[in-house]
């Protein structure tokens, strides 16, 4: 039986991914998908390189991440099939990244977007 939801990880910008070599949010999403027998769907793209959120004020974090995400062009079938998403990130501090990504997903037609993180930091 197919799950009524999917996991979507917060995507790193390509430059940051090349430097780091992995995306920790995607690794978390893959672990959850194995546990819950659900899909990890790579439908978000990071269109704006952002500086690290560490050390920024809540308002600066919001501005930094503003318009950083877009939906992949080939995502319309996913939207029709799955209306619920668990958005996965490693750490949430102000929630700016999750909010920005959720806004993009909701504008695209996903009805329910929940954020899941491993940790909360200040």
PDB file of N, CA and C in Angstrom:
ATOM      1  N   UNK A   1       0.845  -1.187   0.000  1.00  0.00           N
ATOM      2  CA  UNK A   1       0.000   0.000   0.000  1.00  0.00           C
ATOM      3  C   UNK A   1       0.887   1.246   0.000  1.00  0.00           C
ATOM      4  N   UNK A   2       0.536   2.185  -0.825  1.00  0.00           N
ATOM      5  CA  UNK A   2       1.319   3.410  -0.913  1.00  0.00           C
ATOM      6  C   UNK A   2       0.920   4.391   0.186  1.00  0.00           C
ATOM      7  N   UNK A   3       1.905   5.094   0.706  1.00  0.00           N
ATOM      8  CA  UNK A   3       1.652   6.078   1.758  1.00  0.00           C
ATOM      9  C   UNK A   3       0.978   7.320   1.152  1.00  0.00           C
ATOM     10  N   UNK A   4       0.136   7.990   1.922  1.00  0.00           N
ATOM     11  CA  UNK A   4      -0.535   9.198   1.421  1.00  0.00           C
ATOM     12  C   UNK A   4       0.332  10.454   1.541  1.00  0.00           C
ATOM     13  N   UNK A   5       1.600  10.268   1.894  1.00  0.00           N
ATOM     14  CA  UNK A   5       2.481  11.425   2.076  1.00  0.00           C
ATOM     15  C   UNK A   5       3.848  11.120   1.513  1.00  0.00           C
ATOM     16  N   UNK A   6       4.645  12.171   1.369  1.00  0.00           N
ATOM     17  CA  UNK A   6       6.032  12.028   0.922  1.00  0.00           C
ATOM     18  C   UNK A   6       6.935  12.846   1.838  1.00  0.00           C
ATOM     19  N   UNK A   7       8.216  12.532   1.778  1.00  0.00           N
ATOM     20  CA  UNK A   7       9.234  13.311   2.469  1.00  0.00           C
ATOM     21  C   UNK A   7       9.974  14.149   1.433  1.00  0.00           C
ATOM     22  N   UNK A   8      10.195  15.408   1.766  1.00  0.00           N
ATOM     23  CA  UNK A   8      10.968  16.327   0.924  1.00  0.00           C
ATOM     24  C   UNK A   8      12.014  16.970   1.817  1.00  0.00           C
ATOM     25  N   UNK A   9      13.273  16.857   1.428  1.00  0.00           N
ATOM     26  CA  UNK A   9      14.328  17.454   2.254  1.00  0.00           C
ATOM     27  C   UNK A   9      14.646  18.861   1.775  1.00  0.00           C
ATOM     28  N   UNK A  10      15.086  19.688   2.715  1.00  0.00           N
ATOM     29  CA  UNK A  10      15.578  21.018   2.367  1.00  0.00           C
ATOM     30  C   UNK A  10      16.837  20.831   1.549  1.00  0.00           C
ATOM     31  N   UNK A  11      16.862  21.446   0.415  1.00  0.00           N
ATOM     32  CA  UNK A  11      17.975  21.263  -0.511  1.00  0.00           C
ATOM     33  C   UNK A  11      19.060  22.307  -0.276  1.00  0.00           C
ATOM     34  N   UNK A  12      20.290  21.857  -0.364  1.00  0.00           N
ATOM     35  CA  UNK A  12      21.431  22.776  -0.321  1.00  0.00           C
ATOM     36  C   UNK A  12      21.626  23.402  -1.694  1.00  0.00           C
ATOM     37  N   UNK A  13      22.219  24.587  -1.721  1.00  0.00           N
ATOM     38  CA  UNK A  13      22.605  25.171  -3.000  1.00  0.00           C
ATOM     39  C   UNK A  13      23.716  24.307  -3.580  1.00  0.00           C
ATOM     40  N   UNK A  14      23.781  24.209  -4.904  1.00  0.00           N
ATOM     41  CA  UNK A  14      24.744  23.323  -5.574  1.00  0.00           C
ATOM     42  C   UNK A  14      26.182  23.581  -5.123  1.00  0.00           C
ATOM     43  N   UNK A  15      26.557  24.837  -4.961  1.00  0.00           N
ATOM     44  CA  UNK A  15      27.919  25.164  -4.531  1.00  0.00           C
ATOM     45  C   UNK A  15      28.222  24.646  -3.140  1.00  0.00           C
ATOM     46  N   UNK A  16      27.262  24.790  -2.240  1.00  0.00           N
ATOM     47  CA  UNK A  16      27.462  24.297  -0.872  1.00  0.00           C
ATOM     48  C   UNK A  16      27.497  22.767  -0.853  1.00  0.00           C
ATOM     49  N   UNK A  17      26.677  22.153  -1.704  1.00  0.00           N
ATOM     50  CA  UNK A  17      26.681  20.696  -1.776  1.00  0.00           C
ATOM     51  C   UNK A  17      28.031  20.185  -2.288  1.00  0.00           C
ATOM     52  N   UNK A  18      28.557  20.822  -3.321  1.00  0.00           N
ATOM     53  CA  UNK A  18      29.861  20.414  -3.855  1.00  0.00           C
ATOM     54  C   UNK A  18      30.949  20.529  -2.791  1.00  0.00           C
ATOM     55  N   UNK A  19      30.899  21.584  -2.017  1.00  0.00           N
ATOM     56  CA  UNK A  19      31.907  21.800  -0.970  1.00  0.00           C
ATOM     57  C   UNK A  19      31.779  20.767   0.152  1.00  0.00           C
ATOM     58  N   UNK A  20      30.541  20.498   0.583  1.00  0.00           N
ATOM     59  CA  UNK A  20      30.304  19.599   1.708  1.00  0.00           C
ATOM     60  C   UNK A  20      30.330  18.129   1.279  1.00  0.00           C
ATOM     61  N   UNK A  21      29.776  17.852   0.112  1.00  0.00           N
ATOM     62  CA  UNK A  21      29.754  16.483  -0.389  1.00  0.00           C
ATOM     63  C   UNK A  21      28.529  15.669  -0.004  1.00  0.00           C
ATOM     64  N   UNK A  22      27.660  16.210   0.798  1.00  0.00           N
ATOM     65  CA  UNK A  22      26.435  15.513   1.197  1.00  0.00           C
ATOM     66  C   UNK A  22      25.421  16.537   1.695  1.00  0.00           C
ATOM     67  N   UNK A  23      24.171  16.122   1.743  1.00  0.00           N
ATOM     68  CA  UNK A  23      23.098  16.953   2.280  1.00  0.00           C
ATOM     69  C   UNK A  23      22.519  16.217   3.487  1.00  0.00           C
ATOM     70  N   UNK A  24      22.781  16.736   4.664  1.00  0.00           N
ATOM     71  CA  UNK A  24      22.352  16.066   5.886  1.00  0.00           C
ATOM     72  C   UNK A  24      20.835  15.942   5.978  1.00  0.00           C
ATOM     73  N   UNK A  25      20.084  16.904   5.474  1.00  0.00           N
ATOM     74  CA  UNK A  25      18.624  16.817   5.511  1.00  0.00           C
ATOM     75  C   UNK A  25      18.138  15.669   4.618  1.00  0.00           C
ATOM     76  N   UNK A  26      18.787  15.482   3.484  1.00  0.00           N
ATOM     77  CA  UNK A  26      18.400  14.381   2.597  1.00  0.00           C
ATOM     78  C   UNK A  26      18.703  13.038   3.249  1.00  0.00           C
ATOM     79  N   UNK A  27      19.823  12.931   3.950  1.00  0.00           N
ATOM     80  CA  UNK A  27      20.144  11.686   4.648  1.00  0.00           C
ATOM     81  C   UNK A  27      19.090  11.370   5.715  1.00  0.00           C
ATOM     82  N   UNK A  28      18.637  12.398   6.430  1.00  0.00           N
ATOM     83  CA  UNK A  28      17.576  12.206   7.428  1.00  0.00           C
ATOM     84  C   UNK A  28      16.277  11.755   6.754  1.00  0.00           C
ATOM     85  N   UNK A  29      15.933  12.397   5.633  1.00  0.00           N
ATOM     86  CA  UNK A  29      14.709  12.036   4.911  1.00  0.00           C
ATOM     87  C   UNK A  29      14.771  10.592   4.420  1.00  0.00           C
ATOM     88  N   UNK A  30      15.932  10.178   3.937  1.00  0.00           N
ATOM     89  CA  UNK A  30      16.082   8.797   3.464  1.00  0.00           C
ATOM     90  C   UNK A  30      15.922   7.799   4.611  1.00  0.00           C
ATOM     91  N   UNK A  31      16.452   8.131   5.776  1.00  0.00           N
ATOM     92  CA  UNK A  31      16.262   7.267   6.937  1.00  0.00           C
ATOM     93  C   UNK A  31      14.794   7.151   7.327  1.00  0.00           C
ATOM     94  N   UNK A  32      14.093   8.269   7.306  1.00  0.00           N
ATOM     95  CA  UNK A  32      12.660   8.254   7.623  1.00  0.00           C
ATOM     96  C   UNK A  32      11.870   7.474   6.572  1.00  0.00           C
ATOM     97  N   UNK A  33      12.258   7.615   5.325  1.00  0.00           N
ATOM     98  CA  UNK A  33      11.533   6.910   4.264  1.00  0.00           C
ATOM     99  C   UNK A  33      11.677   5.398   4.422  1.00  0.00           C
ATOM    100  N   UNK A  34      12.853   4.962   4.825  1.00  0.00           N
ATOM    101  CA  UNK A  34      13.054   3.530   5.063  1.00  0.00           C
ATOM    102  C   UNK A  34      12.202   3.049   6.232  1.00  0.00           C
ATOM    103  N   UNK A  35      12.141   3.846   7.259  1.00  0.00           N
ATOM    104  CA  UNK A  35      11.385   3.476   8.463  1.00  0.00           C
ATOM    105  C   UNK A  35       9.877   3.435   8.209  1.00  0.00           C
ATOM    106  N   UNK A  36       9.385   4.383   7.417  1.00  0.00           N
ATOM    107  CA  UNK A  36       7.942   4.509   7.204  1.00  0.00           C
ATOM    108  C   UNK A  36       7.491   4.042   5.825  1.00  0.00           C
ATOM    109  N   UNK A  37       8.409   3.447   5.070  1.00  0.00           N
ATOM    110  CA  UNK A  37       8.094   2.930   3.748  1.00  0.00           C
ATOM    111  C   UNK A  37       7.386   3.989   2.887  1.00  0.00           C
ATOM    112  N   UNK A  38       8.002   5.153   2.814  1.00  0.00           N
ATOM    113  CA  UNK A  38       7.449   6.266   2.044  1.00  0.00           C
ATOM    114  C   UNK A  38       8.522   6.812   1.111  1.00  0.00           C
ATOM    115  N   UNK A  39       8.116   7.559   0.134  1.00  0.00           N
ATOM    116  CA  UNK A  39       9.022   8.125  -0.858  1.00  0.00           C
ATOM    117  C   UNK A  39       9.732   9.374  -0.349  1.00  0.00           C
ATOM    118  N   UNK A  40      10.970   9.541  -0.771  1.00  0.00           N
ATOM    119  CA  UNK A  40      11.656  10.829  -0.666  1.00  0.00           C
ATOM    120  C   UNK A  40      11.612  11.418  -2.066  1.00  0.00           C
ATOM    121  N   UNK A  41      11.037  12.590  -2.185  1.00  0.00           N
ATOM    122  CA  UNK A  41      10.892  13.215  -3.497  1.00  0.00           C
ATOM    123  C   UNK A  41      11.731  14.488  -3.527  1.00  0.00           C
ATOM    124  N   UNK A  42      12.560  14.578  -4.530  1.00  0.00           N
ATOM    125  CA  UNK A  42      13.463  15.718  -4.706  1.00  0.00           C
ATOM    126  C   UNK A  42      12.791  16.740  -5.628  1.00  0.00           C
ATOM    127  N   UNK A  43      11.821  17.483  -5.100  1.00  0.00           N
ATOM    128  CA  UNK A  43      11.063  18.407  -5.942  1.00  0.00           C
ATOM    129  C   UNK A  43      11.423  19.875  -5.704  1.00  0.00           C
ATOM    130  N   UNK A  44      12.177  20.159  -4.658  1.00  0.00           N
ATOM    131  CA  UNK A  44      12.609  21.529  -4.389  1.00  0.00           C
ATOM    132  C   UNK A  44      13.986  21.771  -5.004  1.00  0.00           C
ATOM    133  N   UNK A  45      14.197  22.964  -5.494  1.00  0.00           N
ATOM    134  CA  UNK A  45      15.540  23.359  -5.902  1.00  0.00           C
ATOM    135  C   UNK A  45      15.914  24.637  -5.171  1.00  0.00           C
ATOM    136  N   UNK A  46      17.185  24.758  -4.900  1.00  0.00           N
ATOM    137  CA  UNK A  46      17.710  25.946  -4.228  1.00  0.00           C
ATOM    138  C   UNK A  46      18.221  26.853  -5.331  1.00  0.00           C
ATOM    139  N   UNK A  47      17.551  27.977  -5.544  1.00  0.00           N
ATOM    140  CA  UNK A  47      17.885  28.852  -6.668  1.00  0.00           C
ATOM    141  C   UNK A  47      18.745  30.041  -6.261  1.00  0.00           C
ATOM    142  N   UNK A  48      18.928  30.193  -4.970  1.00  0.00           N
ATOM    143  CA  UNK A  48      19.693  31.341  -4.478  1.00  0.00           C
ATOM    144  C   UNK A  48      20.710  30.860  -3.452  1.00  0.00           C
ATOM    145  N   UNK A  49      21.984  31.156  -3.700  1.00  0.00           N
ATOM    146  CA  UNK A  49      22.965  30.798  -2.668  1.00  0.00           C
ATOM    147  C   UNK A  49      22.785  31.726  -1.471  1.00  0.00           C
ATOM    148  N   UNK A  50      22.675  31.149  -0.303  1.00  0.00           N
ATOM    149  CA  UNK A  50      22.481  31.952   0.908  1.00  0.00           C
ATOM    150  C   UNK A  50      23.681  31.772   1.819  1.00  0.00           C
ATOM    151  N   UNK A  51      23.928  32.773   2.629  1.00  0.00           N
ATOM    152  CA  UNK A  51      24.980  32.597   3.625  1.00  0.00           C
ATOM    153  C   UNK A  51      24.417  31.754   4.756  1.00  0.00           C
ATOM    154  N   UNK A  52      25.303  31.206   5.557  1.00  0.00           N
ATOM    155  CA  UNK A  52      24.850  30.384   6.668  1.00  0.00           C
ATOM    156  C   UNK A  52      23.937  31.203   7.590  1.00  0.00           C
ATOM    157  N   UNK A  53      22.938  30.544   8.146  1.00  0.00           N
ATOM    158  CA  UNK A  53      21.994  31.207   9.039  1.00  0.00           C
ATOM    159  C   UNK A  53      22.567  31.385  10.450  1.00  0.00           C
ATOM    160  N   UNK A  54      23.640  30.662  10.743  1.00  0.00           N
ATOM    161  CA  UNK A  54      24.246  30.714  12.076  1.00  0.00           C
ATOM    162  C   UNK A  54      24.692  32.142  12.388  1.00  0.00           C
ATOM    163  N   UNK A  55      24.259  32.643  13.540  1.00  0.00           N
ATOM    164  CA  UNK A  55      24.663  33.967  13.991  1.00  0.00           C
ATOM    165  C   UNK A  55      23.781  35.108  13.500  1.00  0.00           C
ATOM    166  N   UNK A  56      22.837  34.821  12.592  1.00  0.00           N
ATOM    167  CA  UNK A  56      21.953  35.871  12.091  1.00  0.00           C
ATOM    168  C   UNK A  56      20.752  36.050  13.011  1.00  0.00           C
ATOM    169  N   UNK A  57      20.239  37.270  13.074  1.00  0.00           N
ATOM    170  CA  UNK A  57      19.020  37.524  13.838  1.00  0.00           C
ATOM    171  C   UNK A  57      17.833  36.874  13.131  1.00  0.00           C
ATOM    172  N   UNK A  58      16.718  36.773  13.811  1.00  0.00           N
ATOM    173  CA  UNK A  58      15.520  36.162  13.226  1.00  0.00           C
ATOM    174  C   UNK A  58      15.124  36.888  11.936  1.00  0.00           C
ATOM    175  N   UNK A  59      15.143  38.190  11.947  1.00  0.00           N
ATOM    176  CA  UNK A  59      14.777  38.968  10.761  1.00  0.00           C
ATOM    177  C   UNK A  59      15.799  38.788   9.644  1.00  0.00           C
ATOM    178  N   UNK A  60      17.079  38.773   9.990  1.00  0.00           N
ATOM    179  CA  UNK A  60      18.111  38.558   8.972  1.00  0.00           C
ATOM    180  C   UNK A  60      18.031  37.161   8.372  1.00  0.00           C
ATOM    181  N   UNK A  61      17.649  36.178   9.175  1.00  0.00           N
ATOM    182  CA  UNK A  61      17.466  34.822   8.665  1.00  0.00           C
ATOM    183  C   UNK A  61      16.333  34.801   7.632  1.00  0.00           C
ATOM    184  N   UNK A  62      15.245  35.476   7.962  1.00  0.00           N
ATOM    185  CA  UNK A  62      14.101  35.520   7.044  1.00  0.00           C
ATOM    186  C   UNK A  62      14.506  36.159   5.718  1.00  0.00           C
ATOM    187  N   UNK A  63      15.212  37.290   5.795  1.00  0.00           N
ATOM    188  CA  UNK A  63      15.655  37.978   4.578  1.00  0.00           C
ATOM    189  C   UNK A  63      16.660  37.142   3.786  1.00  0.00           C
ATOM    190  N   UNK A  64      17.547  36.475   4.490  1.00  0.00           N
ATOM    191  CA  UNK A  64      18.587  35.671   3.859  1.00  0.00           C
ATOM    192  C   UNK A  64      17.998  34.530   3.027  1.00  0.00           C
ATOM    193  N   UNK A  65      16.953  33.901   3.534  1.00  0.00           N
ATOM    194  CA  UNK A  65      16.388  32.722   2.882  1.00  0.00           C
ATOM    195  C   UNK A  65      15.248  33.076   1.915  1.00  0.00           C
ATOM    196  N   UNK A  66      14.821  34.327   1.927  1.00  0.00           N
ATOM    197  CA  UNK A  66      13.715  34.770   1.073  1.00  0.00           C
ATOM    198  C   UNK A  66      13.998  34.459  -0.399  1.00  0.00           C
ATOM    199  N   UNK A  67      13.034  33.819  -1.043  1.00  0.00           N
ATOM    200  CA  UNK A  67      13.091  33.458  -2.467  1.00  0.00           C
ATOM    201  C   UNK A  67      14.285  32.566  -2.805  1.00  0.00           C
ATOM    202  N   UNK A  68      14.676  31.724  -1.867  1.00  0.00           N
ATOM    203  CA  UNK A  68      15.808  30.826  -2.092  1.00  0.00           C
ATOM    204  C   UNK A  68      15.389  29.515  -2.750  1.00  0.00           C
ATOM    205  N   UNK A  69      14.096  29.193  -2.740  1.00  0.00           N
ATOM    206  CA  UNK A  69      13.629  27.917  -3.257  1.00  0.00           C
ATOM    207  C   UNK A  69      12.668  28.089  -4.416  1.00  0.00           C
ATOM    208  N   UNK A  70      12.621  27.056  -5.224  1.00  0.00           N
ATOM    209  CA  UNK A  70      11.654  26.963  -6.311  1.00  0.00           C
ATOM    210  C   UNK A  70      11.285  25.491  -6.439  1.00  0.00           C
ATOM    211  N   UNK A  71      10.210  25.244  -7.160  1.00  0.00           N
ATOM    212  CA  UNK A  71       9.799  23.876  -7.400  1.00  0.00           C
ATOM    213  C   UNK A  71      10.327  23.425  -8.754  1.00  0.00           C
ATOM    214  N   UNK A  72      10.790  22.199  -8.837  1.00  0.00           N
ATOM    215  CA  UNK A  72      11.256  21.653 -10.114  1.00  0.00           C
ATOM    216  C   UNK A  72      10.093  21.642 -11.102  1.00  0.00           C
ATOM    217  N   UNK A  73      10.400  21.867 -12.353  1.00  0.00           N
ATOM    218  CA  UNK A  73       9.363  21.934 -13.388  1.00  0.00           C
ATOM    219  C   UNK A  73       8.588  20.641 -13.555  1.00  0.00           C
ATOM    220  N   UNK A  74       9.205  19.516 -13.288  1.00  0.00           N
ATOM    221  CA  UNK A  74       8.555  18.224 -13.507  1.00  0.00           C
ATOM    222  C   UNK A  74       7.801  17.711 -12.283  1.00  0.00           C
ATOM    223  N   UNK A  75       7.355  18.591 -11.410  1.00  0.00           N
ATOM    224  CA  UNK A  75       6.740  18.186 -10.148  1.00  0.00           C
ATOM    225  C   UNK A  75       5.223  18.134 -10.162  1.00  0.00           C
ATOM    226  N   UNK A  76       4.580  18.449 -11.279  1.00  0.00           N
ATOM    227  CA  UNK A  76       3.117  18.535 -11.288  1.00  0.00           C
ATOM    228  C   UNK A  76       2.453  17.184 -11.014  1.00  0.00           C
ATOM    229  N   UNK A  77       3.028  16.083 -11.506  1.00  0.00           N
ATOM    230  CA  UNK A  77       2.446  14.765 -11.230  1.00  0.00           C
ATOM    231  C   UNK A  77       2.525  14.424  -9.747  1.00  0.00           C
ATOM    232  N   UNK A  78       3.607  14.843  -9.113  1.00  0.00           N
ATOM    233  CA  UNK A  78       3.769  14.597  -7.678  1.00  0.00           C
ATOM    234  C   UNK A  78       2.698  15.348  -6.902  1.00  0.00           C
ATOM    235  N   UNK A  79       2.445  16.589  -7.311  1.00  0.00           N
ATOM    236  CA  UNK A  79       1.448  17.410  -6.624  1.00  0.00           C
ATOM    237  C   UNK A  79       0.064  16.785  -6.748  1.00  0.00           C
ATOM    238  N   UNK A  80      -0.245  16.242  -7.912  1.00  0.00           N
ATOM    239  CA  UNK A  80      -1.551  15.612  -8.112  1.00  0.00           C
ATOM    240  C   UNK A  80      -1.707  14.347  -7.276  1.00  0.00           C
ATOM    241  N   UNK A  81      -0.615  13.620  -7.121  1.00  0.00           N
ATOM    242  CA  UNK A  81      -0.671  12.332  -6.436  1.00  0.00           C
ATOM    243  C   UNK A  81      -0.608  12.460  -4.913  1.00  0.00           C
ATOM    244  N   UNK A  82       0.260  13.343  -4.440  1.00  0.00           N
ATOM    245  CA  UNK A  82       0.471  13.513  -3.000  1.00  0.00           C
ATOM    246  C   UNK A  82       0.149  14.942  -2.609  1.00  0.00           C
ATOM    247  N   UNK A  83      -0.764  15.116  -1.689  1.00  0.00           N
ATOM    248  CA  UNK A  83      -1.129  16.451  -1.233  1.00  0.00           C
ATOM    249  C   UNK A  83      -0.494  16.782   0.116  1.00  0.00           C
ATOM    250  N   UNK A  84       0.195  15.796   0.700  1.00  0.00           N
ATOM    251  CA  UNK A  84       0.773  15.983   2.025  1.00  0.00           C
ATOM    252  C   UNK A  84       2.276  15.736   1.979  1.00  0.00           C
ATOM    253  N   UNK A  85       3.012  16.637   2.636  1.00  0.00           N
ATOM    254  CA  UNK A  85       4.465  16.569   2.632  1.00  0.00           C
ATOM    255  C   UNK A  85       4.994  16.722   4.050  1.00  0.00           C
ATOM    256  N   UNK A  86       6.008  15.927   4.352  1.00  0.00           N
ATOM    257  CA  UNK A  86       6.820  16.173   5.536  1.00  0.00           C
ATOM    258  C   UNK A  86       8.124  16.759   5.023  1.00  0.00           C
ATOM    259  N   UNK A  87       8.354  18.013   5.340  1.00  0.00           N
ATOM    260  CA  UNK A  87       9.539  18.748   4.928  1.00  0.00           C
ATOM    261  C   UNK A  87      10.622  18.523   5.972  1.00  0.00           C
ATOM    262  N   UNK A  88      11.761  17.994   5.551  1.00  0.00           N
ATOM    263  CA  UNK A  88      12.797  17.554   6.471  1.00  0.00           C
ATOM    264  C   UNK A  88      14.003  18.492   6.439  1.00  0.00           C
ATOM    265  N   UNK A  89      14.448  18.918   7.618  1.00  0.00           N
ATOM    266  CA  UNK A  89      15.685  19.689   7.761  1.00  0.00           C
ATOM    267  C   UNK A  89      16.417  19.170   9.000  1.00  0.00           C
ATOM    268  N   UNK A  90      17.689  19.485   9.105  1.00  0.00           N
ATOM    269  CA  UNK A  90      18.454  18.965  10.237  1.00  0.00           C
ATOM    270  C   UNK A  90      18.195  19.752  11.516  1.00  0.00           C
ATOM    271  N   UNK A  91      18.226  21.074  11.441  1.00  0.00           N
ATOM    272  CA  UNK A  91      18.069  21.923  12.626  1.00  0.00           C
ATOM    273  C   UNK A  91      17.109  23.069  12.305  1.00  0.00           C
ATOM    274  N   UNK A  92      16.256  23.388  13.251  1.00  0.00           N
ATOM    275  CA  UNK A  92      15.410  24.579  13.124  1.00  0.00           C
ATOM    276  C   UNK A  92      15.767  25.528  14.259  1.00  0.00           C
ATOM    277  N   UNK A  93      15.946  26.782  13.910  1.00  0.00           N
ATOM    278  CA  UNK A  93      16.196  27.803  14.930  1.00  0.00           C
ATOM    279  C   UNK A  93      15.045  28.796  14.890  1.00  0.00           C
ATOM    280  N   UNK A  94      14.994  29.612  13.859  1.00  0.00           N
ATOM    281  CA  UNK A  94      13.905  30.579  13.736  1.00  0.00           C
ATOM    282  C   UNK A  94      12.730  30.025  12.934  1.00  0.00           C
ATOM    283  N   UNK A  95      12.969  28.967  12.161  1.00  0.00           N
ATOM    284  CA  UNK A  95      11.921  28.407  11.300  1.00  0.00           C
ATOM    285  C   UNK A  95      11.849  29.064   9.935  1.00  0.00           C
ATOM    286  N   UNK A  96      12.735  30.010   9.650  1.00  0.00           N
ATOM    287  CA  UNK A  96      12.683  30.762   8.395  1.00  0.00           C
ATOM    288  C   UNK A  96      12.843  29.865   7.165  1.00  0.00           C
ATOM    289  N   UNK A  97      13.765  28.920   7.231  1.00  0.00           N
ATOM    290  CA  UNK A  97      14.000  28.041   6.085  1.00  0.00           C
ATOM    291  C   UNK A  97      12.794  27.154   5.820  1.00  0.00           C
ATOM    292  N   UNK A  98      12.263  26.537   6.863  1.00  0.00           N
ATOM    293  CA  UNK A  98      11.086  25.693   6.697  1.00  0.00           C
ATOM    294  C   UNK A  98       9.888  26.499   6.191  1.00  0.00           C
ATOM    295  N   UNK A  99       9.692  27.690   6.732  1.00  0.00           N
ATOM    296  CA  UNK A  99       8.570  28.532   6.288  1.00  0.00           C
ATOM    297  C   UNK A  99       8.697  28.888   4.818  1.00  0.00           C
ATOM    298  N   UNK A 100       9.900  29.281   4.399  1.00  0.00           N
ATOM    299  CA  UNK A 100      10.111  29.681   3.005  1.00  0.00           C
ATOM    300  C   UNK A 100       9.864  28.500   2.063  1.00  0.00           C
ATOM    301  N   UNK A 101      10.402  27.337   2.387  1.00  0.00           N
ATOM    302  CA  UNK A 101      10.195  26.154   1.552  1.00  0.00           C
ATOM    303  C   UNK A 101       8.720  25.744   1.548  1.00  0.00           C
ATOM    304  N   UNK A 102       8.073  25.781   2.698  1.00  0.00           N
ATOM    305  CA  UNK A 102       6.648  25.427   2.781  1.00  0.00           C
ATOM    306  C   UNK A 102       5.789  26.372   1.952  1.00  0.00           C
ATOM    307  N   UNK A 103       6.135  27.636   1.936  1.00  0.00           N
ATOM    308  CA  UNK A 103       5.398  28.607   1.126  1.00  0.00           C
ATOM    309  C   UNK A 103       5.454  28.236  -0.348  1.00  0.00           C
ATOM    310  N   UNK A 104       6.621  27.879  -0.824  1.00  0.00           N
ATOM    311  CA  UNK A 104       6.784  27.474  -2.226  1.00  0.00           C
ATOM    312  C   UNK A 104       5.945  26.229  -2.519  1.00  0.00           C
ATOM    313  N   UNK A 105       5.990  25.258  -1.635  1.00  0.00           N
ATOM    314  CA  UNK A 105       5.247  24.013  -1.836  1.00  0.00           C
ATOM    315  C   UNK A 105       3.737  24.242  -1.800  1.00  0.00           C
ATOM    316  N   UNK A 106       3.277  25.074  -0.888  1.00  0.00           N
ATOM    317  CA  UNK A 106       1.839  25.352  -0.808  1.00  0.00           C
ATOM    318  C   UNK A 106       1.354  26.140  -2.022  1.00  0.00           C
ATOM    319  N   UNK A 107       2.142  27.083  -2.482  1.00  0.00           N
ATOM    320  CA  UNK A 107       1.766  27.828  -3.694  1.00  0.00           C
ATOM    321  C   UNK A 107       1.672  26.905  -4.902  1.00  0.00           C
ATOM    322  N   UNK A 108       2.454  25.841  -4.890  1.00  0.00           N
ATOM    323  CA  UNK A 108       2.453  24.881  -5.995  1.00  0.00           C
ATOM    324  C   UNK A 108       1.243  23.948  -5.948  1.00  0.00           C
ATOM    325  N   UNK A 109       0.568  23.880  -4.811  1.00  0.00           N
ATOM    326  CA  UNK A 109      -0.631  23.063  -4.731  1.00  0.00           C
ATOM    327  C   UNK A 109      -0.640  21.986  -3.668  1.00  0.00           C
ATOM    328  N   UNK A 110       0.465  21.809  -2.955  1.00  0.00           N
ATOM    329  CA  UNK A 110       0.454  20.843  -1.863  1.00  0.00           C
ATOM    330  C   UNK A 110      -0.407  21.406  -0.743  1.00  0.00           C
ATOM    331  N   UNK A 111      -1.344  20.614  -0.258  1.00  0.00           N
ATOM    332  CA  UNK A 111      -2.292  21.115   0.732  1.00  0.00           C
ATOM    333  C   UNK A 111      -1.731  21.169   2.138  1.00  0.00           C
ATOM    334  N   UNK A 112      -0.989  20.148   2.521  1.00  0.00           N
ATOM    335  CA  UNK A 112      -0.497  20.059   3.891  1.00  0.00           C
ATOM    336  C   UNK A 112       1.017  19.871   3.881  1.00  0.00           C
ATOM    337  N   UNK A 113       1.703  20.765   4.553  1.00  0.00           N
ATOM    338  CA  UNK A 113       3.158  20.687   4.658  1.00  0.00           C
ATOM    339  C   UNK A 113       3.521  20.779   6.135  1.00  0.00           C
ATOM    340  N   UNK A 114       4.172  19.728   6.615  1.00  0.00           N
ATOM    341  CA  UNK A 114       4.626  19.700   7.997  1.00  0.00           C
ATOM    342  C   UNK A 114       6.138  19.720   8.013  1.00  0.00           C
ATOM    343  N   UNK A 115       6.712  20.412   8.959  1.00  0.00           N
ATOM    344  CA  UNK A 115       8.156  20.455   9.101  1.00  0.00           C
ATOM    345  C   UNK A 115       8.623  19.493  10.174  1.00  0.00           C
ATOM    346  N   UNK A 116       9.665  18.722   9.847  1.00  0.00           N
ATOM    347  CA  UNK A 116      10.286  17.817  10.806  1.00  0.00           C
ATOM    348  C   UNK A 116      11.780  18.104  10.833  1.00  0.00           C
ATOM    349  N   UNK A 117      12.328  18.230  12.029  1.00  0.00           N
ATOM    350  CA  UNK A 117      13.760  18.471  12.163  1.00  0.00           C
ATOM    351  C   UNK A 117      14.329  17.546  13.231  1.00  0.00           C
ATOM    352  N   UNK A 118      15.630  17.378  13.166  1.00  0.00           N
ATOM    353  CA  UNK A 118      16.318  16.551  14.148  1.00  0.00           C
ATOM    354  C   UNK A 118      16.542  17.319  15.446  1.00  0.00           C
ATOM    355  N   UNK A 119      16.813  18.609  15.318  1.00  0.00           N
ATOM    356  CA  UNK A 119      17.182  19.397  16.494  1.00  0.00           C
ATOM    357  C   UNK A 119      16.649  20.809  16.386  1.00  0.00           C
ATOM    358  N   UNK A 120      16.616  21.468  17.527  1.00  0.00           N
ATOM    359  CA  UNK A 120      16.250  22.876  17.614  1.00  0.00           C
ATOM    360  C   UNK A 120      17.438  23.593  18.241  1.00  0.00           C
ATOM    361  N   UNK A 121      17.862  24.664  17.628  1.00  0.00           N
ATOM    362  CA  UNK A 121      19.007  25.397  18.174  1.00  0.00           C
ATOM    363  C   UNK A 121      18.751  26.884  18.214  1.00  0.00           C
ATOM    364  N   UNK A 122      19.471  27.564  19.029  1.00  0.00           N
ATOM    365  CA  UNK A 122      19.361  29.020  19.140  1.00  0.00           C
ATOM    366  C   UNK A 122      20.677  29.631  18.780  1.00  0.00           C
TER     367      UNK A 122
END
